[in-house]
Amino acid sequence: MQVFYDKDSFSKYIDLQKEQNNTIGFAPTMGALHAGHISLYEEANKDNDVVISSIFVNPTQFNNPDDLEKYPRTVENDIEKLKNSKLVDAVYIPKVKDIYPNGLERKHYDFGGIENEMEGAARPGHFDGVGTVVEELFRQVRPDNAYFGEKDFQQLKIIEKLVDILNLGIKIHGVKIHRENNGLAMSSRNMRLSEAEKEASSVIYQTLKKVDDWFRVITIPEIKIRVEEIFDRDDMVLEYFLIANEDTLKEADFFSEDENYRAFIVVNVEQVRLIDNMHLK
């Protein structure tokens, strides 16, 4: 596995892959890699001649400076995990100037309104930051296929829209959520939880499974009341729970037989913000 720390050397590598007509699969990360990230590269390996990872903690998608400062950075361990996986041909670890040569400025995108729902409402400008870094990485990596986890389902929809509005010609693949043994969605932020907190946080997944059972049996307002009752506790704070249309991401207040729905939840555990979601059958 080759490791590139600057744009120029990485660009030469990509030029070579294109000259050889190799298909490129790409999954960008912010590091602190776990099995969920590795599952992206497992999928990428099925469809591509070359698989590329990137590690870059993107400053423009953080609303809270403390959150940016506390975000785990484990680059050397990440490189070893990628090497040991034997799934990745190259990893790109750019400097800030490689991504933001003119300073830390976010582009503004019109994602058709989905950027204003859920995480967009809670974190203004977040998806402009996501779009800015992903667009730049796409232009440098020039992938044929790109892979994103469904844990960040809204981000996945944003990336699909980004590729569409910029006409980038990249096929976006959503990869199912990878979970701990207790059901907790794998996340780099989980590193900030104690073992006891991780175990307690399994209630998030258990709640989503209950929601899936309640779906179409009771009304959405009744489901929301039940979820709020579950999180009426001291060790966790329910930031939001909602059921939304999977395509528009608009919050639903009733069900329609011909539409697909997904439950979304955000819970804060000792100042660690945990997100999860589940398609409702």
C-alpha atoms as a PDB file:
ATOM      1  CA  MET A   1       0.000   0.000   0.000  1.00  0.00           C
ATOM      2  CA  GLN A   2       1.353   3.403  -0.979  1.00  0.00           C
ATOM      3  CA  VAL A   3       0.995   6.424   1.301  1.00  0.00           C
ATOM      4  CA  PHE A   4       0.851   9.957  -0.125  1.00  0.00           C
ATOM      5  CA  TYR A   5       1.193  13.072   1.997  1.00  0.00           C
ATOM      6  CA  ASP A   6       0.942  15.768  -0.674  1.00  0.00           C
ATOM      7  CA  LYS A   7      -1.213  16.621  -3.661  1.00  0.00           C
ATOM      8  CA  ASP A   8       1.538  16.623  -6.291  1.00  0.00           C
ATOM      9  CA  SER A   9       2.836  13.109  -5.713  1.00  0.00           C
ATOM     10  CA  PHE A  10      -0.693  11.778  -5.335  1.00  0.00           C
ATOM     11  CA  SER A  11      -1.772  13.425  -8.591  1.00  0.00           C
ATOM     12  CA  LYS A  12       1.024  11.627 -10.465  1.00  0.00           C
ATOM     13  CA  TYR A  13      -0.191   8.340  -9.014  1.00  0.00           C
ATOM     14  CA  ILE A  14      -3.750   9.020 -10.199  1.00  0.00           C
ATOM     15  CA  ASP A  15      -2.482  10.010 -13.648  1.00  0.00           C
ATOM     16  CA  LEU A  16      -0.752   6.624 -13.883  1.00  0.00           C
ATOM     17  CA  GLN A  17      -3.948   4.756 -12.911  1.00  0.00           C
ATOM     18  CA  LYS A  18      -5.917   6.637 -15.544  1.00  0.00           C
ATOM     19  CA  GLU A  19      -3.275   5.938 -18.198  1.00  0.00           C
ATOM     20  CA  GLN A  20      -3.615   2.230 -17.393  1.00  0.00           C
ATOM     21  CA  ASN A  21      -7.424   2.461 -17.592  1.00  0.00           C
ATOM     22  CA  ASN A  22      -7.778   1.191 -14.046  1.00  0.00           C
ATOM     23  CA  THR A  23     -11.155   1.719 -12.389  1.00  0.00           C
ATOM     24  CA  ILE A  24     -10.818   3.582  -9.092  1.00  0.00           C
ATOM     25  CA  GLY A  25     -12.895   2.987  -5.978  1.00  0.00           C
ATOM     26  CA  PHE A  26     -12.676   5.619  -3.239  1.00  0.00           C
ATOM     27  CA  ALA A  27     -13.903   6.053   0.330  1.00  0.00           C
ATOM     28  CA  PRO A  28     -12.848   9.261   2.108  1.00  0.00           C
ATOM     29  CA  THR A  29     -12.508   9.256   5.908  1.00  0.00           C
ATOM     30  CA  MET A  30     -11.562  11.544   8.764  1.00  0.00           C
ATOM     31  CA  GLY A  31      -9.445   8.799  10.305  1.00  0.00           C
ATOM     32  CA  ALA A  32      -9.852   7.005  13.642  1.00  0.00           C
ATOM     33  CA  LEU A  33     -10.670   3.990  11.484  1.00  0.00           C
ATOM     34  CA  HIS A  34     -12.801   1.073  12.635  1.00  0.00           C
ATOM     35  CA  ALA A  35     -14.431  -1.997  11.088  1.00  0.00           C
ATOM     36  CA  GLY A  36     -17.160   0.149   9.568  1.00  0.00           C
ATOM     37  CA  HIS A  37     -14.581   1.963   7.455  1.00  0.00           C
ATOM     38  CA  ILE A  38     -12.971  -1.318   6.447  1.00  0.00           C
ATOM     39  CA  SER A  39     -16.359  -2.560   5.226  1.00  0.00           C
ATOM     40  CA  LEU A  40     -16.357   0.324   2.708  1.00  0.00           C
ATOM     41  CA  TYR A  41     -13.101  -0.967   1.243  1.00  0.00           C
ATOM     42  CA  GLU A  42     -14.435  -4.513   1.170  1.00  0.00           C
ATOM     43  CA  GLU A  43     -17.251  -3.275  -1.050  1.00  0.00           C
ATOM     44  CA  ALA A  44     -14.878  -1.160  -3.154  1.00  0.00           C
ATOM     45  CA  ASN A  45     -12.650  -4.173  -3.755  1.00  0.00           C
ATOM     46  CA  LYS A  46     -15.491  -6.025  -5.473  1.00  0.00           C
ATOM     47  CA  ASP A  47     -15.934  -3.443  -8.229  1.00  0.00           C
ATOM     48  CA  ASN A  48     -12.606  -1.713  -8.894  1.00  0.00           C
ATOM     49  CA  ASP A  49      -9.038  -2.299 -10.061  1.00  0.00           C
ATOM     50  CA  VAL A  50      -7.627   0.183  -7.540  1.00  0.00           C
ATOM     51  CA  VAL A  51      -8.997   1.118  -4.093  1.00  0.00           C
ATOM     52  CA  ILE A  52      -8.050   4.431  -2.492  1.00  0.00           C
ATOM     53  CA  SER A  53      -8.562   5.777   1.016  1.00  0.00           C
ATOM     54  CA  SER A  54      -8.069   9.286   2.303  1.00  0.00           C
ATOM     55  CA  ILE A  55      -7.617  10.606   5.832  1.00  0.00           C
ATOM     56  CA  PHE A  56      -8.390  14.262   6.432  1.00  0.00           C
ATOM     57  CA  VAL A  57     -10.138  15.892   9.393  1.00  0.00           C
ATOM     58  CA  ASN A  58     -12.116  18.571   7.601  1.00  0.00           C
ATOM     59  CA  PRO A  59     -12.270  21.825   9.614  1.00  0.00           C
ATOM     60  CA  THR A  60     -15.114  23.410   7.639  1.00  0.00           C
ATOM     61  CA  GLN A  61     -17.739  20.815   8.576  1.00  0.00           C
ATOM     62  CA  PHE A  62     -17.390  21.340  12.335  1.00  0.00           C
ATOM     63  CA  ASN A  63     -19.696  23.888  13.957  1.00  0.00           C
ATOM     64  CA  ASN A  64     -18.180  23.423  17.396  1.00  0.00           C
ATOM     65  CA  PRO A  65     -14.423  24.211  17.694  1.00  0.00           C
ATOM     66  CA  ASP A  66     -14.208  21.934  20.758  1.00  0.00           C
ATOM     67  CA  ASP A  67     -15.622  19.062  18.724  1.00  0.00           C
ATOM     68  CA  LEU A  68     -12.951  19.631  16.072  1.00  0.00           C
ATOM     69  CA  GLU A  69     -10.217  19.764  18.703  1.00  0.00           C
ATOM     70  CA  LYS A  70     -11.420  16.579  20.425  1.00  0.00           C
ATOM     71  CA  TYR A  71     -11.916  14.591  17.229  1.00  0.00           C
ATOM     72  CA  PRO A  72      -9.618  11.537  17.537  1.00  0.00           C
ATOM     73  CA  ARG A  73      -6.509  11.613  15.360  1.00  0.00           C
ATOM     74  CA  THR A  74      -4.754   8.254  15.020  1.00  0.00           C
ATOM     75  CA  VAL A  75      -3.045   8.434  11.634  1.00  0.00           C
ATOM     76  CA  GLU A  76      -0.262   5.922  12.267  1.00  0.00           C
ATOM     77  CA  ASN A  77      -2.717   3.350  13.606  1.00  0.00           C
ATOM     78  CA  ASP A  78      -5.029   4.078  10.684  1.00  0.00           C
ATOM     79  CA  ILE A  79      -2.268   3.394   8.169  1.00  0.00           C
ATOM     80  CA  GLU A  80      -1.512   0.065   9.883  1.00  0.00           C
ATOM     81  CA  LYS A  81      -5.197  -0.927   9.810  1.00  0.00           C
ATOM     82  CA  LEU A  82      -5.398  -0.176   6.105  1.00  0.00           C
ATOM     83  CA  LYS A  83      -2.194  -2.104   5.403  1.00  0.00           C
ATOM     84  CA  ASN A  84      -3.374  -5.078   7.443  1.00  0.00           C
ATOM     85  CA  SER A  85      -6.724  -5.134   5.661  1.00  0.00           C
ATOM     86  CA  LYS A  86      -4.959  -5.791   2.329  1.00  0.00           C
ATOM     87  CA  LEU A  87      -7.900  -4.040   0.678  1.00  0.00           C
ATOM     88  CA  VAL A  88      -6.424  -0.613  -0.087  1.00  0.00           C
ATOM     89  CA  ASP A  89      -3.853   0.208  -2.748  1.00  0.00           C
ATOM     90  CA  ALA A  90      -3.140   3.786  -1.701  1.00  0.00           C
ATOM     91  CA  VAL A  91      -4.036   6.221   1.065  1.00  0.00           C
ATOM     92  CA  TYR A  92      -3.971   9.988   0.580  1.00  0.00           C
ATOM     93  CA  ILE A  93      -3.284  12.107   3.683  1.00  0.00           C
ATOM     94  CA  PRO A  94      -3.378  15.681   2.378  1.00  0.00           C
ATOM     95  CA  LYS A  95      -2.332  18.820   4.186  1.00  0.00           C
ATOM     96  CA  VAL A  96      -4.887  21.585   4.704  1.00  0.00           C
ATOM     97  CA  LYS A  97      -3.301  23.632   1.887  1.00  0.00           C
ATOM     98  CA  ASP A  98      -3.789  20.687  -0.502  1.00  0.00           C
ATOM     99  CA  ILE A  99      -7.552  20.878   0.042  1.00  0.00           C
ATOM    100  CA  TYR A 100      -7.916  24.597   0.817  1.00  0.00           C
ATOM    101  CA  PRO A 101      -5.178  26.432  -1.117  1.00  0.00           C
ATOM    102  CA  ASN A 102      -6.980  29.762  -0.692  1.00  0.00           C
ATOM    103  CA  GLY A 103      -7.803  29.421   3.002  1.00  0.00           C
ATOM    104  CA  LEU A 104     -10.564  27.717   4.949  1.00  0.00           C
ATOM    105  CA  GLU A 105     -13.591  28.805   2.961  1.00  0.00           C
ATOM    106  CA  ARG A 106     -16.740  26.755   2.451  1.00  0.00           C
ATOM    107  CA  LYS A 107     -18.461  26.740  -0.897  1.00  0.00           C
ATOM    108  CA  HIS A 108     -22.226  27.156  -0.886  1.00  0.00           C
ATOM    109  CA  TYR A 109     -24.396  24.506  -2.516  1.00  0.00           C
ATOM    110  CA  ASP A 110     -28.073  24.172  -3.287  1.00  0.00           C
ATOM    111  CA  PHE A 111     -28.902  20.578  -2.454  1.00  0.00           C
ATOM    112  CA  GLY A 112     -32.596  21.063  -3.078  1.00  0.00           C
ATOM    113  CA  GLY A 113     -33.466  21.587   0.574  1.00  0.00           C
ATOM    114  CA  ILE A 114     -32.216  18.310   2.033  1.00  0.00           C
ATOM    115  CA  GLU A 115     -29.279  20.231   3.510  1.00  0.00           C
ATOM    116  CA  ASN A 116     -31.696  22.065   5.822  1.00  0.00           C
ATOM    117  CA  GLU A 117     -33.267  18.977   7.385  1.00  0.00           C
ATOM    118  CA  MET A 118     -32.118  17.169  10.538  1.00  0.00           C
ATOM    119  CA  GLU A 119     -28.330  17.583  10.823  1.00  0.00           C
ATOM    120  CA  GLY A 120     -28.520  20.656   8.625  1.00  0.00           C
ATOM    121  CA  ALA A 121     -30.961  22.302  11.007  1.00  0.00           C
ATOM    122  CA  ALA A 122     -28.835  21.346  14.016  1.00  0.00           C
ATOM    123  CA  ARG A 123     -25.490  22.287  12.411  1.00  0.00           C
ATOM    124  CA  PRO A 124     -25.801  25.295  10.048  1.00  0.00           C
ATOM    125  CA  GLY A 125     -23.264  25.222   7.216  1.00  0.00           C
ATOM    126  CA  HIS A 126     -22.234  21.644   7.996  1.00  0.00           C
ATOM    127  CA  PHE A 127     -23.178  20.240   4.611  1.00  0.00           C
ATOM    128  CA  ASP A 128     -21.534  23.106   2.750  1.00  0.00           C
ATOM    129  CA  GLY A 129     -18.339  22.018   4.527  1.00  0.00           C
ATOM    130  CA  VAL A 130     -18.956  18.382   3.606  1.00  0.00           C
ATOM    131  CA  GLY A 131     -19.675  19.311  -0.010  1.00  0.00           C
ATOM    132  CA  THR A 132     -16.565  21.484  -0.239  1.00  0.00           C
ATOM    133  CA  VAL A 133     -14.131  18.806   0.936  1.00  0.00           C
ATOM    134  CA  VAL A 134     -15.779  15.935  -0.943  1.00  0.00           C
ATOM    135  CA  GLU A 135     -15.897  17.893  -4.190  1.00  0.00           C
ATOM    136  CA  GLU A 136     -12.194  18.706  -3.906  1.00  0.00           C
ATOM    137  CA  LEU A 137     -11.278  15.115  -3.034  1.00  0.00           C
ATOM    138  CA  PHE A 138     -13.373  13.824  -5.935  1.00  0.00           C
ATOM    139  CA  ARG A 139     -11.579  16.179  -8.331  1.00  0.00           C
ATOM    140  CA  GLN A 140      -8.182  15.016  -7.063  1.00  0.00           C
ATOM    141  CA  VAL A 141      -8.925  11.278  -6.795  1.00  0.00           C
ATOM    142  CA  ARG A 142     -11.101  11.110  -9.946  1.00  0.00           C
ATOM    143  CA  PRO A 143     -12.867   7.900  -8.840  1.00  0.00           C
ATOM    144  CA  ASP A 144     -15.269   5.822 -10.864  1.00  0.00           C
ATOM    145  CA  ASN A 145     -17.042   4.649  -7.712  1.00  0.00           C
ATOM    146  CA  ALA A 146     -17.251   6.129  -4.212  1.00  0.00           C
ATOM    147  CA  TYR A 147     -18.455   4.466  -1.004  1.00  0.00           C
ATOM    148  CA  PHE A 148     -20.180   6.013   2.014  1.00  0.00           C
ATOM    149  CA  GLY A 149     -21.746   4.420   5.088  1.00  0.00           C
ATOM    150  CA  GLU A 150     -25.467   4.587   5.709  1.00  0.00           C
ATOM    151  CA  LYS A 151     -24.850   5.600   9.332  1.00  0.00           C
ATOM    152  CA  ASP A 152     -24.528   9.136   7.966  1.00  0.00           C
ATOM    153  CA  PHE A 153     -27.563   8.649   5.744  1.00  0.00           C
ATOM    154  CA  GLN A 154     -28.225  12.343   5.210  1.00  0.00           C
ATOM    155  CA  GLN A 155     -24.595  12.840   4.198  1.00  0.00           C
ATOM    156  CA  LEU A 156     -24.969   9.957   1.722  1.00  0.00           C
ATOM    157  CA  LYS A 157     -27.954  11.704   0.120  1.00  0.00           C
ATOM    158  CA  ILE A 158     -26.013  14.984   0.048  1.00  0.00           C
ATOM    159  CA  ILE A 159     -23.108  13.321  -1.781  1.00  0.00           C
ATOM    160  CA  GLU A 160     -25.493  11.773  -4.312  1.00  0.00           C
ATOM    161  CA  LYS A 161     -26.941  15.231  -4.929  1.00  0.00           C
ATOM    162  CA  LEU A 162     -23.458  16.788  -5.146  1.00  0.00           C
ATOM    163  CA  VAL A 163     -22.423  14.360  -7.893  1.00  0.00           C
ATOM    164  CA  ASP A 164     -25.664  15.076  -9.732  1.00  0.00           C
ATOM    165  CA  ILE A 165     -25.535  18.883  -9.636  1.00  0.00           C
ATOM    166  CA  LEU A 166     -21.834  18.990 -10.561  1.00  0.00           C
ATOM    167  CA  ASN A 167     -22.230  16.264 -13.197  1.00  0.00           C
ATOM    168  CA  LEU A 168     -19.166  14.434 -11.858  1.00  0.00           C
ATOM    169  CA  GLY A 169     -20.069  11.047 -13.334  1.00  0.00           C
ATOM    170  CA  ILE A 170     -19.194   9.102 -10.174  1.00  0.00           C
ATOM    171  CA  LYS A 171     -21.353   6.210  -8.996  1.00  0.00           C
ATOM    172  CA  ILE A 172     -22.150   6.540  -5.285  1.00  0.00           C
ATOM    173  CA  HIS A 173     -22.606   3.368  -3.225  1.00  0.00           C
ATOM    174  CA  GLY A 174     -24.281   3.300   0.184  1.00  0.00           C
ATOM    175  CA  VAL A 175     -22.887   0.650   2.542  1.00  0.00           C
ATOM    176  CA  LYS A 176     -24.987  -0.718   5.394  1.00  0.00           C
ATOM    177  CA  ILE A 177     -24.281   0.346   8.978  1.00  0.00           C
ATOM    178  CA  HIS A 178     -21.573  -1.668  10.729  1.00  0.00           C
ATOM    179  CA  ARG A 179     -22.422  -2.269  14.388  1.00  0.00           C
ATOM    180  CA  GLU A 180     -20.743  -3.297  17.621  1.00  0.00           C
ATOM    181  CA  ASN A 181     -21.821  -6.642  19.099  1.00  0.00           C
ATOM    182  CA  ASN A 182     -24.378  -4.805  21.237  1.00  0.00           C
ATOM    183  CA  GLY A 183     -25.861  -2.995  18.223  1.00  0.00           C
ATOM    184  CA  LEU A 184     -24.203   0.389  18.740  1.00  0.00           C
ATOM    185  CA  ALA A 185     -23.410   1.914  15.349  1.00  0.00           C
ATOM    186  CA  MET A 186     -19.652   1.995  14.828  1.00  0.00           C
ATOM    187  CA  SER A 187     -18.276   5.522  14.852  1.00  0.00           C
ATOM    188  CA  SER A 188     -14.916   7.177  15.411  1.00  0.00           C
ATOM    189  CA  ARG A 189     -16.576   9.108  18.242  1.00  0.00           C
ATOM    190  CA  ASN A 190     -17.131   5.830  20.112  1.00  0.00           C
ATOM    191  CA  MET A 191     -13.446   6.002  21.062  1.00  0.00           C
ATOM    192  CA  ARG A 192     -14.397   8.776  23.503  1.00  0.00           C
ATOM    193  CA  LEU A 193     -16.844   6.509  25.365  1.00  0.00           C
ATOM    194  CA  SER A 194     -15.970   4.290  28.320  1.00  0.00           C
ATOM    195  CA  GLU A 195     -16.847   0.604  28.066  1.00  0.00           C
ATOM    196  CA  ALA A 196     -19.784   1.181  30.423  1.00  0.00           C
ATOM    197  CA  GLU A 197     -21.024   4.067  28.279  1.00  0.00           C
ATOM    198  CA  LYS A 198     -20.702   1.973  25.127  1.00  0.00           C
ATOM    199  CA  GLU A 199     -22.791  -0.759  26.711  1.00  0.00           C
ATOM    200  CA  ALA A 200     -25.416   1.693  27.939  1.00  0.00           C
ATOM    201  CA  SER A 201     -25.569   3.281  24.476  1.00  0.00           C
ATOM    202  CA  SER A 202     -26.897   0.025  23.027  1.00  0.00           C
ATOM    203  CA  VAL A 203     -30.316   1.410  24.011  1.00  0.00           C
ATOM    204  CA  ILE A 204     -30.130   3.569  20.870  1.00  0.00           C
ATOM    205  CA  TYR A 205     -30.189   0.569  18.545  1.00  0.00           C
ATOM    206  CA  GLN A 206     -32.716  -1.258  20.712  1.00  0.00           C
ATOM    207  CA  THR A 207     -34.991   1.769  20.471  1.00  0.00           C
ATOM    208  CA  LEU A 208     -34.742   1.841  16.686  1.00  0.00           C
ATOM    209  CA  LYS A 209     -35.703  -1.840  16.567  1.00  0.00           C
ATOM    210  CA  LYS A 210     -38.756  -1.061  18.691  1.00  0.00           C
ATOM    211  CA  VAL A 211     -39.647   1.788  16.345  1.00  0.00           C
ATOM    212  CA  ASP A 212     -39.488  -0.648  13.441  1.00  0.00           C
ATOM    213  CA  ASP A 213     -41.951  -2.897  15.309  1.00  0.00           C
ATOM    214  CA  TRP A 214     -44.255   0.034  16.109  1.00  0.00           C
ATOM    215  CA  PHE A 215     -44.140   1.405  12.567  1.00  0.00           C
ATOM    216  CA  ARG A 216     -47.578   1.247  10.868  1.00  0.00           C
ATOM    217  CA  VAL A 217     -49.073  -0.136  14.097  1.00  0.00           C
ATOM    218  CA  ILE A 218     -49.304   3.126  15.997  1.00  0.00           C
ATOM    219  CA  THR A 219     -49.112   6.748  14.854  1.00  0.00           C
ATOM    220  CA  ILE A 220     -45.879   8.705  14.481  1.00  0.00           C
ATOM    221  CA  PRO A 221     -46.786  11.098  17.350  1.00  0.00           C
ATOM    222  CA  GLU A 222     -47.336   8.059  19.592  1.00  0.00           C
ATOM    223  CA  ILE A 223     -43.989   6.585  18.513  1.00  0.00           C
ATOM    224  CA  LYS A 224     -42.223   9.860  19.356  1.00  0.00           C
ATOM    225  CA  ILE A 225     -43.765   9.911  22.822  1.00  0.00           C
ATOM    226  CA  ARG A 226     -42.581   6.362  23.486  1.00  0.00           C
ATOM    227  CA  VAL A 227     -39.042   7.181  22.322  1.00  0.00           C
ATOM    228  CA  GLU A 228     -38.916  10.284  24.538  1.00  0.00           C
ATOM    229  CA  GLU A 229     -40.013   8.151  27.493  1.00  0.00           C
ATOM    230  CA  ILE A 230     -37.182   5.680  26.837  1.00  0.00           C
ATOM    231  CA  PHE A 231     -34.650   8.527  26.990  1.00  0.00           C
ATOM    232  CA  ASP A 232     -36.074  10.142  30.102  1.00  0.00           C
ATOM    233  CA  ARG A 233     -32.846   9.334  31.914  1.00  0.00           C
ATOM    234  CA  ASP A 234     -29.871  11.132  33.471  1.00  0.00           C
ATOM    235  CA  ASP A 235     -26.982   9.572  31.560  1.00  0.00           C
ATOM    236  CA  MET A 236     -28.202  10.415  28.036  1.00  0.00           C
ATOM    237  CA  VAL A 237     -29.814  13.385  26.330  1.00  0.00           C
ATOM    238  CA  LEU A 238     -32.085  12.821  23.348  1.00  0.00           C
ATOM    239  CA  GLU A 239     -31.223  15.618  20.910  1.00  0.00           C
ATOM    240  CA  TYR A 240     -33.808  14.601  18.354  1.00  0.00           C
ATOM    241  CA  PHE A 241     -35.800  11.672  17.034  1.00  0.00           C
ATOM    242  CA  LEU A 242     -37.875  11.738  13.880  1.00  0.00           C
ATOM    243  CA  ILE A 243     -39.211   9.630  11.046  1.00  0.00           C
ATOM    244  CA  ALA A 244     -38.550  11.025   7.580  1.00  0.00           C
ATOM    245  CA  ASN A 245     -39.151  10.245   3.932  1.00  0.00           C
ATOM    246  CA  GLU A 246     -35.992   8.538   2.653  1.00  0.00           C
ATOM    247  CA  ASP A 247     -35.926  10.564  -0.574  1.00  0.00           C
ATOM    248  CA  THR A 248     -36.814  14.082   0.568  1.00  0.00           C
ATOM    249  CA  LEU A 249     -35.648  13.676   4.198  1.00  0.00           C
ATOM    250  CA  LYS A 250     -38.726  15.688   5.174  1.00  0.00           C
ATOM    251  CA  GLU A 251     -40.107  14.737   8.579  1.00  0.00           C
ATOM    252  CA  ALA A 252     -43.266  12.673   8.280  1.00  0.00           C
ATOM    253  CA  ASP A 253     -46.299  13.002  10.534  1.00  0.00           C
ATOM    254  CA  PHE A 254     -48.253  10.203   8.878  1.00  0.00           C
ATOM    255  CA  PHE A 255     -47.522   7.209   6.655  1.00  0.00           C
ATOM    256  CA  SER A 256     -48.143   6.786   2.946  1.00  0.00           C
ATOM    257  CA  GLU A 257     -48.107   3.275   1.481  1.00  0.00           C
ATOM    258  CA  ASP A 258     -46.081   4.214  -1.618  1.00  0.00           C
ATOM    259  CA  GLU A 259     -43.182   5.954   0.162  1.00  0.00           C
ATOM    260  CA  ASN A 260     -40.096   4.733   2.045  1.00  0.00           C
ATOM    261  CA  TYR A 261     -39.336   5.890   5.562  1.00  0.00           C
ATOM    262  CA  ARG A 262     -36.367   5.898   7.893  1.00  0.00           C
ATOM    263  CA  ALA A 263     -36.079   6.632  11.597  1.00  0.00           C
ATOM    264  CA  PHE A 264     -33.295   9.011  12.678  1.00  0.00           C
ATOM    265  CA  ILE A 265     -31.985   9.557  16.177  1.00  0.00           C
ATOM    266  CA  VAL A 266     -29.268  11.651  17.849  1.00  0.00           C
ATOM    267  CA  VAL A 267     -28.299  11.061  21.481  1.00  0.00           C
ATOM    268  CA  ASN A 268     -25.623  12.799  23.547  1.00  0.00           C
ATOM    269  CA  VAL A 269     -23.742  10.569  25.978  1.00  0.00           C
ATOM    270  CA  GLU A 270     -21.349  12.513  28.211  1.00  0.00           C
ATOM    271  CA  GLN A 271     -20.942  15.178  25.494  1.00  0.00           C
ATOM    272  CA  VAL A 272     -20.303  12.540  22.805  1.00  0.00           C
ATOM    273  CA  ARG A 273     -22.842  12.984  20.029  1.00  0.00           C
ATOM    274  CA  LEU A 274     -24.054   9.631  18.683  1.00  0.00           C
ATOM    275  CA  ILE A 275     -26.194   9.328  15.551  1.00  0.00           C
ATOM    276  CA  ASP A 276     -28.030   6.335  14.142  1.00  0.00           C
ATOM    277  CA  ASN A 277     -30.843   5.478  11.772  1.00  0.00           C
ATOM    278  CA  MET A 278     -32.860   2.548  10.493  1.00  0.00           C
ATOM    279  CA  HIS A 279     -34.910   1.854   7.388  1.00  0.00           C
ATOM    280  CA  LEU A 280     -38.476   1.044   8.447  1.00  0.00           C
ATOM    281  CA  LYS A 281     -39.833  -2.061   6.809  1.00  0.00           C
END
